[in-house]
């Protein structure tokens, strides 16, 4: 009997064939329209299917995970360790980004002519992002805390942008389940246990179509990409971002190796389907179902840990995004001939860390937060136009890093949490 090709190879094959298919059809006048009208919709359907189960997955897995702990103190310890680890890795990511961009100084290669051409081409997009960022900056200091508590859970569950509200409700619900008598909670727990299993089976079914979905997504990306000249002009910037992201992947593999003794190859092999899917969709939220499946079934993280750590990570852990924001901010400053002081770059670390936490787990959200980072450092927001041309492909890379970071932190918390150790002892 012939051995079935592993999922990550199927996804990679779909990506390569999608690019080749688009390049082949680009020689025909009707090729781009054919892909846009008849191929791209299948990619959109695939992403929508993943987003469809994101909210039910978070509700089911978090309620199940929290209620399984049976101990509020265990929950608080795990929560503190999870958030602290995410913050530390984000600061490391921003620091790596600043180091790379200061060493290679890609912004010095941007000519005045190229700068003016890009600003003219993308000026309208810049203004839209500035308005979105200004709306966030105008909010009160406690607005994020106020937004955390939904006034209607059904309303919050209708929008994947409200993930934090759904997470708050799920944790609150799970805590309440712990506090009521077990004989009264058992039927509710059994329901969510079964509900969680159904969602996991839906993930399995959706992933059967993953190679075809990424084929359509990559084909559409190729025909919609900006001109080659702009890519050449921003080549060094892209190399800095991708190089920094690769260094972050190395950091994750070493972190996993030192804390869990799992080899880098085993870790990468286990999480690679989620990485490739994140690359194709540019959405941590859409990739969350696959990330959970890979971490639990292939990297052997306790479901009680993964169901708590990963949904939170998909919402607040954006290491790839924060690294990109650091590189982009300094790159734009270099392009405008600005020399940022050490204090300004320390400010970028703090602002990029907080901005990445506020980024939605959807494509392109990081560039809105970048406006806030630029404003804090005194860098002209119009410089955003310099990076719009290559933002989409770089978004794919940084989303893969975000997902890898979620998995690495889940493995770290799983190895060091007292909950997991108690389970092993019993």
Protein backbone atom coordinates (compact mmCIF):
# COMPACT_ATOMS: atom_id res chain seq x y z
CA UNK A 1 0.00 0.00 0.00
CA UNK A 2 1.41 3.38 -1.04
CA UNK A 3 2.24 5.74 1.85
CA UNK A 4 0.22 8.96 1.87
CA UNK A 5 2.17 12.20 1.47
CA UNK A 6 2.47 14.08 4.80
CA UNK A 7 0.18 17.08 5.20
CA UNK A 8 2.97 19.68 5.26
CA UNK A 9 4.31 18.33 1.95
CA UNK A 10 0.82 18.41 0.46
CA UNK A 11 0.41 22.05 1.51
CA UNK A 12 3.87 22.99 0.22
CA UNK A 13 3.13 21.25 -3.08
CA UNK A 14 -0.15 23.15 -3.36
CA UNK A 15 1.66 26.45 -2.77
CA UNK A 16 4.32 25.75 -5.41
CA UNK A 17 1.77 24.57 -7.99
CA UNK A 18 -0.35 27.65 -7.30
CA UNK A 19 2.58 29.97 -8.03
CA UNK A 20 3.57 28.04 -11.18
CA UNK A 21 -0.04 27.94 -12.39
CA UNK A 22 -0.38 31.71 -11.98
CA UNK A 23 2.94 32.39 -13.71
CA UNK A 24 1.91 30.17 -16.63
CA UNK A 25 -1.44 31.90 -17.07
CA UNK A 26 0.13 35.36 -16.77
CA UNK A 27 1.34 34.98 -20.36
CA UNK A 28 -2.27 35.12 -21.55
CA UNK A 29 -4.40 38.28 -21.50
CA UNK A 30 -7.28 36.45 -19.87
CA UNK A 31 -5.09 34.64 -17.30
CA UNK A 32 -5.29 37.13 -14.43
CA UNK A 33 -9.05 37.56 -14.73
CA UNK A 34 -9.55 33.78 -14.89
CA UNK A 35 -7.62 33.30 -11.65
CA UNK A 36 -9.41 36.18 -9.94
CA UNK A 37 -12.87 35.01 -11.02
CA UNK A 38 -12.53 31.21 -10.92
CA UNK A 39 -9.58 30.27 -8.67
CA UNK A 40 -9.35 32.90 -5.91
CA UNK A 41 -12.92 32.24 -4.61
CA UNK A 42 -11.89 28.71 -3.58
CA UNK A 43 -9.07 30.18 -1.50
CA UNK A 44 -11.51 32.58 0.13
CA UNK A 45 -13.89 29.71 0.88
CA UNK A 46 -11.05 27.80 2.55
CA UNK A 47 -10.15 30.78 4.77
CA UNK A 48 -13.82 31.36 5.60
CA UNK A 49 -14.18 27.72 6.64
CA UNK A 50 -11.29 28.09 9.06
CA UNK A 51 -12.62 31.38 10.42
CA UNK A 52 -16.06 29.76 10.73
CA UNK A 53 -14.88 27.46 13.51
CA UNK A 54 -12.49 29.91 15.24
CA UNK A 55 -15.05 31.26 17.75
CA UNK A 56 -16.66 27.86 18.51
CA UNK A 57 -13.18 26.37 18.92
CA UNK A 58 -12.10 29.03 21.41
CA UNK A 59 -15.34 28.72 23.38
CA UNK A 60 -15.23 24.93 23.53
CA UNK A 61 -11.50 24.48 24.12
CA UNK A 62 -11.09 27.27 26.68
CA UNK A 63 -14.16 26.31 28.71
CA UNK A 64 -13.04 22.68 28.65
CA UNK A 65 -9.44 23.57 29.47
CA UNK A 66 -10.25 25.92 32.36
CA UNK A 67 -12.87 23.64 33.90
CA UNK A 68 -10.52 20.64 33.67
CA UNK A 69 -8.01 22.42 35.93
CA UNK A 70 -10.37 22.09 38.93
CA UNK A 71 -8.25 24.66 40.76
CA UNK A 72 -8.30 28.48 40.51
CA UNK A 73 -4.71 28.78 41.75
CA UNK A 74 -3.48 26.56 38.91
CA UNK A 75 -5.33 28.76 36.42
CA UNK A 76 -3.82 31.98 37.79
CA UNK A 77 -0.30 30.54 37.76
CA UNK A 78 -0.66 29.30 34.20
CA UNK A 79 -2.16 32.60 33.07
CA UNK A 80 0.64 34.66 34.64
CA UNK A 81 3.35 32.42 33.17
CA UNK A 82 1.71 32.46 29.72
CA UNK A 83 1.34 36.23 29.46
CA UNK A 84 4.80 36.93 30.92
CA UNK A 85 6.42 34.51 28.45
CA UNK A 86 4.58 36.08 25.53
CA UNK A 87 5.75 39.54 26.61
CA UNK A 88 9.38 38.38 26.95
CA UNK A 89 9.42 36.76 23.50
CA UNK A 90 7.87 39.90 21.98
CA UNK A 91 10.57 42.14 23.49
CA UNK A 92 13.21 39.73 22.13
CA UNK A 93 11.58 39.85 18.67
CA UNK A 94 11.59 43.68 18.59
CA UNK A 95 15.21 43.74 19.78
CA UNK A 96 16.25 41.32 17.02
CA UNK A 97 14.45 43.47 14.44
CA UNK A 98 16.19 46.65 15.63
CA UNK A 99 19.59 44.94 15.62
CA UNK A 100 19.22 43.62 12.06
CA UNK A 101 17.93 46.88 10.57
CA UNK A 102 20.64 48.98 12.29
CA UNK A 103 23.41 46.67 11.11
CA UNK A 104 22.33 46.47 7.45
CA UNK A 105 20.63 49.90 7.12
CA UNK A 106 18.39 49.00 4.14
CA UNK A 107 16.73 52.44 4.10
CA UNK A 108 19.94 54.07 2.86
CA UNK A 109 19.42 52.35 -0.51
CA UNK A 110 16.10 54.14 -1.21
CA UNK A 111 16.56 56.97 -3.70
CA UNK A 112 14.60 60.22 -3.61
CA UNK A 113 12.91 59.31 -6.90
CA UNK A 114 11.75 55.90 -5.63
CA UNK A 115 10.53 57.44 -2.37
CA UNK A 116 8.39 60.04 -4.18
CA UNK A 117 7.01 57.42 -6.60
CA UNK A 118 5.90 55.13 -3.78
CA UNK A 119 4.37 57.94 -1.72
CA UNK A 120 2.42 59.11 -4.77
CA UNK A 121 1.20 55.57 -5.56
CA UNK A 122 0.11 54.63 -2.04
CA UNK A 123 -0.81 58.02 -0.55
CA UNK A 124 -4.51 57.13 -0.34
CA UNK A 125 -3.81 53.88 1.51
CA UNK A 126 -1.57 55.73 3.97
CA UNK A 127 -4.34 58.20 4.81
CA UNK A 128 -6.79 55.35 5.49
CA UNK A 129 -4.36 53.64 7.86
CA UNK A 130 -3.61 56.95 9.62
CA UNK A 131 -7.31 57.54 10.26
CA UNK A 132 -7.73 54.01 11.66
CA UNK A 133 -4.72 54.49 13.94
CA UNK A 134 -5.91 57.93 15.06
CA UNK A 135 -9.25 56.45 16.10
CA UNK A 136 -7.38 54.02 18.36
CA UNK A 137 -5.12 56.73 19.78
CA UNK A 138 -8.13 58.93 20.61
CA UNK A 139 -9.57 56.28 22.90
CA UNK A 140 -9.23 56.67 26.67
CA UNK A 141 -6.44 54.85 28.57
CA UNK A 142 -8.87 52.27 29.98
CA UNK A 143 -10.73 51.70 26.70
CA UNK A 144 -8.97 48.35 26.02
CA UNK A 145 -10.04 47.13 29.49
CA UNK A 146 -13.60 48.31 28.85
CA UNK A 147 -13.65 46.61 25.45
CA UNK A 148 -12.53 43.34 27.06
CA UNK A 149 -15.95 42.77 28.66
CA UNK A 150 -18.72 42.27 26.06
CA UNK A 151 -22.24 43.49 26.70
CA UNK A 152 -23.57 40.66 24.55
CA UNK A 153 -21.64 37.42 24.07
CA UNK A 154 -23.67 36.50 21.00
CA UNK A 155 -22.85 39.86 19.44
CA UNK A 156 -19.15 39.42 20.29
CA UNK A 157 -19.14 35.93 18.80
CA UNK A 158 -20.34 37.23 15.43
CA UNK A 159 -17.03 39.02 14.74
CA UNK A 160 -13.62 37.31 14.79
CA UNK A 161 -12.14 40.71 15.64
CA UNK A 162 -13.67 40.34 19.11
CA UNK A 163 -11.57 37.32 20.07
CA UNK A 164 -10.48 38.83 23.39
CA UNK A 165 -14.13 39.29 24.42
CA UNK A 166 -14.88 35.67 23.56
CA UNK A 167 -11.80 34.55 25.50
CA UNK A 168 -12.90 36.61 28.53
CA UNK A 169 -16.35 34.99 28.47
CA UNK A 170 -14.93 31.48 28.03
CA UNK A 171 -12.50 31.88 30.97
CA UNK A 172 -15.25 33.45 33.12
CA UNK A 173 -17.61 30.58 32.25
CA UNK A 174 -14.93 27.97 32.96
CA UNK A 175 -14.13 29.51 36.34
CA UNK A 176 -17.83 29.44 37.26
CA UNK A 177 -17.91 25.74 36.32
CA UNK A 178 -15.03 25.08 38.72
CA UNK A 179 -16.77 26.89 41.57
CA UNK A 180 -20.13 25.10 41.44
CA UNK A 181 -20.59 21.55 42.83
CA UNK A 182 -19.18 18.89 40.52
CA UNK A 183 -22.47 16.98 40.27
CA UNK A 184 -24.14 20.13 38.91
CA UNK A 185 -21.28 20.99 36.54
CA UNK A 186 -20.82 17.52 35.06
CA UNK A 187 -23.56 17.76 32.43
CA UNK A 188 -22.34 21.15 31.18
CA UNK A 189 -18.76 19.85 31.10
CA UNK A 190 -19.80 16.76 29.15
CA UNK A 191 -21.56 18.99 26.62
CA UNK A 192 -18.47 21.12 26.02
CA UNK A 193 -16.21 18.04 25.93
CA UNK A 194 -18.38 16.60 23.17
CA UNK A 195 -18.69 19.98 21.45
CA UNK A 196 -14.90 20.28 21.44
CA UNK A 197 -14.53 16.84 19.83
CA UNK A 198 -16.99 17.81 17.08
CA UNK A 199 -15.03 21.00 16.34
CA UNK A 200 -11.77 19.01 16.17
CA UNK A 201 -13.35 16.62 13.67
CA UNK A 202 -14.50 19.61 11.60
CA UNK A 203 -10.86 20.77 11.55
CA UNK A 204 -9.80 17.36 10.21
CA UNK A 205 -12.37 17.61 7.43
CA UNK A 206 -11.39 21.17 6.50
CA UNK A 207 -7.70 20.24 6.39
CA UNK A 208 -8.42 17.64 3.72
CA UNK A 209 -8.94 20.62 1.40
CA UNK A 210 -5.88 22.58 2.60
CA UNK A 211 -3.62 21.82 -0.43
CA UNK A 212 -6.33 23.06 -2.79
CA UNK A 213 -7.06 26.12 -0.65
CA UNK A 214 -3.44 27.27 -0.54
CA UNK A 215 -3.12 26.57 -4.30
CA UNK A 216 -5.90 29.10 -4.92
CA UNK A 217 -4.53 31.63 -2.40
CA UNK A 218 -1.00 31.62 -3.82
CA UNK A 219 -2.21 31.78 -7.41
CA UNK A 220 -4.29 34.86 -6.57
CA UNK A 221 -1.38 36.47 -4.73
CA UNK A 222 0.91 36.15 -7.75
CA UNK A 223 -1.50 37.83 -10.18
CA UNK A 224 -2.30 40.62 -7.70
CA UNK A 225 1.32 41.37 -6.73
CA UNK A 226 2.81 44.82 -7.44
CA UNK A 227 5.33 45.37 -10.20
CA UNK A 228 8.79 43.82 -10.05
CA UNK A 229 10.52 47.23 -10.02
CA UNK A 230 9.07 48.06 -6.63
CA UNK A 231 10.16 44.71 -5.22
CA UNK A 232 13.72 45.37 -6.39
CA UNK A 233 13.71 48.81 -4.76
CA UNK A 234 12.67 47.26 -1.43
CA UNK A 235 14.73 44.09 -1.71
CA UNK A 236 17.11 44.93 1.14
CA UNK A 237 14.26 45.86 3.45
CA UNK A 238 12.55 42.53 2.75
CA UNK A 239 15.78 40.65 3.38
CA UNK A 240 16.12 42.35 6.77
CA UNK A 241 12.55 41.47 7.78
CA UNK A 242 12.81 37.86 6.60
CA UNK A 243 16.29 37.49 8.11
CA UNK A 244 15.03 38.76 11.46
CA UNK A 245 12.04 36.41 11.31
CA UNK A 246 14.33 33.46 10.59
CA UNK A 247 16.44 34.40 13.62
CA UNK A 248 13.23 34.40 15.67
CA UNK A 249 12.45 30.88 14.42
CA UNK A 250 15.95 29.83 15.55
CA UNK A 251 15.26 31.37 18.96
CA UNK A 252 12.00 29.39 19.28
CA UNK A 253 13.65 26.10 18.34
CA UNK A 254 16.44 26.69 20.89
CA UNK A 255 13.88 27.66 23.53
CA UNK A 256 11.97 24.43 22.91
CA UNK A 257 15.17 22.39 22.80
CA UNK A 258 16.53 23.74 26.10
CA UNK A 259 13.23 23.60 28.01
CA UNK A 260 11.61 20.43 26.64
CA UNK A 261 14.61 18.54 25.15
CA UNK A 262 12.63 18.15 21.91
CA UNK A 263 14.97 18.45 18.92
CA UNK A 264 14.62 21.41 16.51
CA UNK A 265 13.78 19.07 13.62
CA UNK A 266 11.04 17.39 15.63
CA UNK A 267 9.56 20.75 16.63
CA UNK A 268 9.62 22.17 13.09
CA UNK A 269 8.20 18.96 11.61
CA UNK A 270 5.40 18.98 14.16
CA UNK A 271 4.36 22.59 13.59
CA UNK A 272 5.18 22.95 9.86
CA UNK A 273 1.61 22.41 8.53
CA UNK A 274 0.41 25.26 10.75
CA UNK A 275 3.35 27.41 9.62
CA UNK A 276 2.54 26.81 5.96
CA UNK A 277 -1.14 27.47 6.51
CA UNK A 278 -0.31 30.70 8.36
CA UNK A 279 1.92 31.66 5.43
CA UNK A 280 -0.93 31.07 2.99
CA UNK A 281 -3.70 32.79 4.96
CA UNK A 282 -1.76 35.57 6.77
CA UNK A 283 -4.12 35.04 9.70
CA UNK A 284 -3.22 33.62 13.11
CA UNK A 285 -6.92 33.32 13.93
CA UNK A 286 -7.67 31.29 10.82
CA UNK A 287 -4.69 29.03 11.55
CA UNK A 288 -5.60 28.51 15.24
CA UNK A 289 -7.57 25.27 14.72
CA UNK A 290 -4.63 23.65 12.92
CA UNK A 291 -2.10 25.02 15.44
CA UNK A 292 -4.05 23.39 18.27
CA UNK A 293 -4.30 20.08 16.45
CA UNK A 294 -0.57 19.98 15.65
CA UNK A 295 0.52 21.03 19.15
CA UNK A 296 -1.70 18.49 20.91
CA UNK A 297 -1.42 15.48 18.58
CA UNK A 298 2.12 15.87 17.24
CA UNK A 299 4.03 17.88 19.85
CA UNK A 300 2.22 16.19 22.75
CA UNK A 301 1.14 19.28 24.69
CA UNK A 302 -1.56 18.62 27.30
CA UNK A 303 -4.95 19.81 25.92
CA UNK A 304 -5.57 21.60 29.24
CA UNK A 305 -2.51 23.73 28.50
CA UNK A 306 -2.92 24.19 24.74
CA UNK A 307 -6.60 25.09 25.00
CA UNK A 308 -5.64 27.95 27.33
CA UNK A 309 -2.30 29.13 25.92
CA UNK A 310 -2.94 28.99 22.17
CA UNK A 311 -6.20 31.02 21.92
CA UNK A 312 -4.60 33.74 24.04
CA UNK A 313 -1.45 33.58 21.90
CA UNK A 314 -3.41 33.92 18.66
CA UNK A 315 -4.83 37.16 20.07
CA UNK A 316 -1.95 38.86 21.93
CA UNK A 317 1.27 37.15 20.79
CA UNK A 318 2.42 38.79 17.57
CA UNK A 319 6.21 38.40 17.69
CA UNK A 320 6.56 38.41 13.91
CA UNK A 321 4.41 41.53 13.69
CA UNK A 322 6.37 43.37 16.38
CA UNK A 323 9.71 42.47 14.73
CA UNK A 324 8.42 43.75 11.39
CA UNK A 325 7.20 46.99 13.00
CA UNK A 326 10.66 47.63 14.45
CA UNK A 327 12.40 47.00 11.13
CA UNK A 328 9.84 49.03 9.18
CA UNK A 329 10.01 52.02 11.56
CA UNK A 330 13.81 52.29 11.40
CA UNK A 331 13.81 51.57 7.65
CA UNK A 332 11.41 54.45 7.00
CA UNK A 333 13.48 56.73 9.23
CA UNK A 334 16.61 55.77 7.28
CA UNK A 335 14.82 56.41 3.98
CA UNK A 336 13.97 59.93 5.16
CA UNK A 337 17.54 60.53 6.33
CA UNK A 338 16.64 60.49 10.05
CA UNK A 339 19.04 59.20 12.69
CA UNK A 340 17.03 57.70 15.55
CA UNK A 341 18.52 58.09 19.00
CA UNK A 342 18.99 55.16 21.37
CA UNK A 343 16.13 56.48 23.49
CA UNK A 344 13.84 56.63 20.44
CA UNK A 345 14.65 53.02 19.60
CA UNK A 346 14.00 51.94 23.21
CA UNK A 347 10.64 53.68 22.80
CA UNK A 348 10.04 51.63 19.66
CA UNK A 349 10.60 48.44 21.70
CA UNK A 350 7.92 49.43 24.21
CA UNK A 351 5.44 50.77 21.67
CA UNK A 352 5.87 47.87 19.22
CA UNK A 353 5.41 45.37 22.06
CA UNK A 354 2.15 46.97 23.19
CA UNK A 355 0.98 47.59 19.60
CA UNK A 356 1.56 43.95 18.64
CA UNK A 357 -0.63 42.87 21.56
CA UNK A 358 -3.37 45.12 20.20
CA UNK A 359 -3.06 43.82 16.63
CA UNK A 360 -5.99 41.75 15.42
CA UNK A 361 -5.10 38.22 14.31
CA UNK A 362 -6.13 38.99 10.72
CA UNK A 363 -4.26 39.90 7.51
CA UNK A 364 -2.80 43.42 7.38
CA UNK A 365 -3.72 44.51 10.93
CA UNK A 366 -0.07 45.07 11.85
CA UNK A 367 0.32 47.98 9.45
CA UNK A 368 -2.39 49.95 11.26
CA UNK A 369 -0.51 49.51 14.52
CA UNK A 370 2.69 50.55 12.73
CA UNK A 371 1.21 54.05 12.40
CA UNK A 372 1.19 54.31 16.20
CA UNK A 373 4.81 53.11 16.38
CA UNK A 374 5.88 55.67 13.77
CA UNK A 375 4.04 58.47 15.54
CA UNK A 376 5.66 57.65 18.89
CA UNK A 377 9.15 57.77 17.32
CA UNK A 378 8.47 60.99 15.38
CA UNK A 379 8.80 59.28 12.00
CA UNK A 380 6.61 60.64 9.13
CA UNK A 381 3.56 58.38 8.69
CA UNK A 382 3.69 59.06 4.93
CA UNK A 383 6.68 56.72 4.92
CA UNK A 384 4.21 53.83 5.14
CA UNK A 385 3.94 54.15 1.38
CA UNK A 386 7.52 52.91 1.12
CA UNK A 387 6.55 49.44 2.39
CA UNK A 388 3.03 48.90 1.04
CA UNK A 389 4.30 47.19 -2.10
CA UNK A 390 5.89 44.29 -0.20
CA UNK A 391 3.70 44.27 2.90
CA UNK A 392 1.46 41.42 1.75
CA UNK A 393 4.18 38.80 1.16
CA UNK A 394 6.02 39.88 4.33
CA UNK A 395 2.72 39.58 6.23
CA UNK A 396 2.71 35.92 5.24
CA UNK A 397 6.18 35.36 6.70
CA UNK A 398 5.50 37.19 9.96
CA UNK A 399 2.23 35.31 10.51
CA UNK A 400 4.17 32.04 10.28
CA UNK A 401 6.47 33.34 13.01
CA UNK A 402 3.48 34.37 15.16
CA UNK A 403 2.09 30.82 14.97
CA UNK A 404 5.50 29.27 15.68
CA UNK A 405 5.82 31.47 18.77
CA UNK A 406 2.41 30.36 20.02
CA UNK A 407 3.44 26.72 19.70
CA UNK A 408 6.83 27.26 21.38
CA UNK A 409 5.27 29.05 24.36
CA UNK A 410 2.61 26.33 24.67
CA UNK A 411 5.37 23.71 24.86
CA UNK A 412 7.30 25.78 27.40
CA UNK A 413 4.25 26.28 29.63
CA UNK A 414 3.32 22.61 29.25
CA UNK A 415 6.78 21.56 30.43
CA UNK A 416 7.02 23.97 33.36
CA UNK A 417 3.45 24.34 34.61
CA UNK A 418 2.59 22.74 37.94
CA UNK A 419 -0.72 21.50 36.44
CA UNK A 420 1.10 19.30 33.97
CA UNK A 421 3.55 18.09 36.58
CA UNK A 422 0.74 17.16 38.97
CA UNK A 423 -0.96 15.15 36.22
CA UNK A 424 2.27 13.27 35.55
CA UNK A 425 2.72 12.57 39.25
CA UNK A 426 -0.72 11.03 39.50
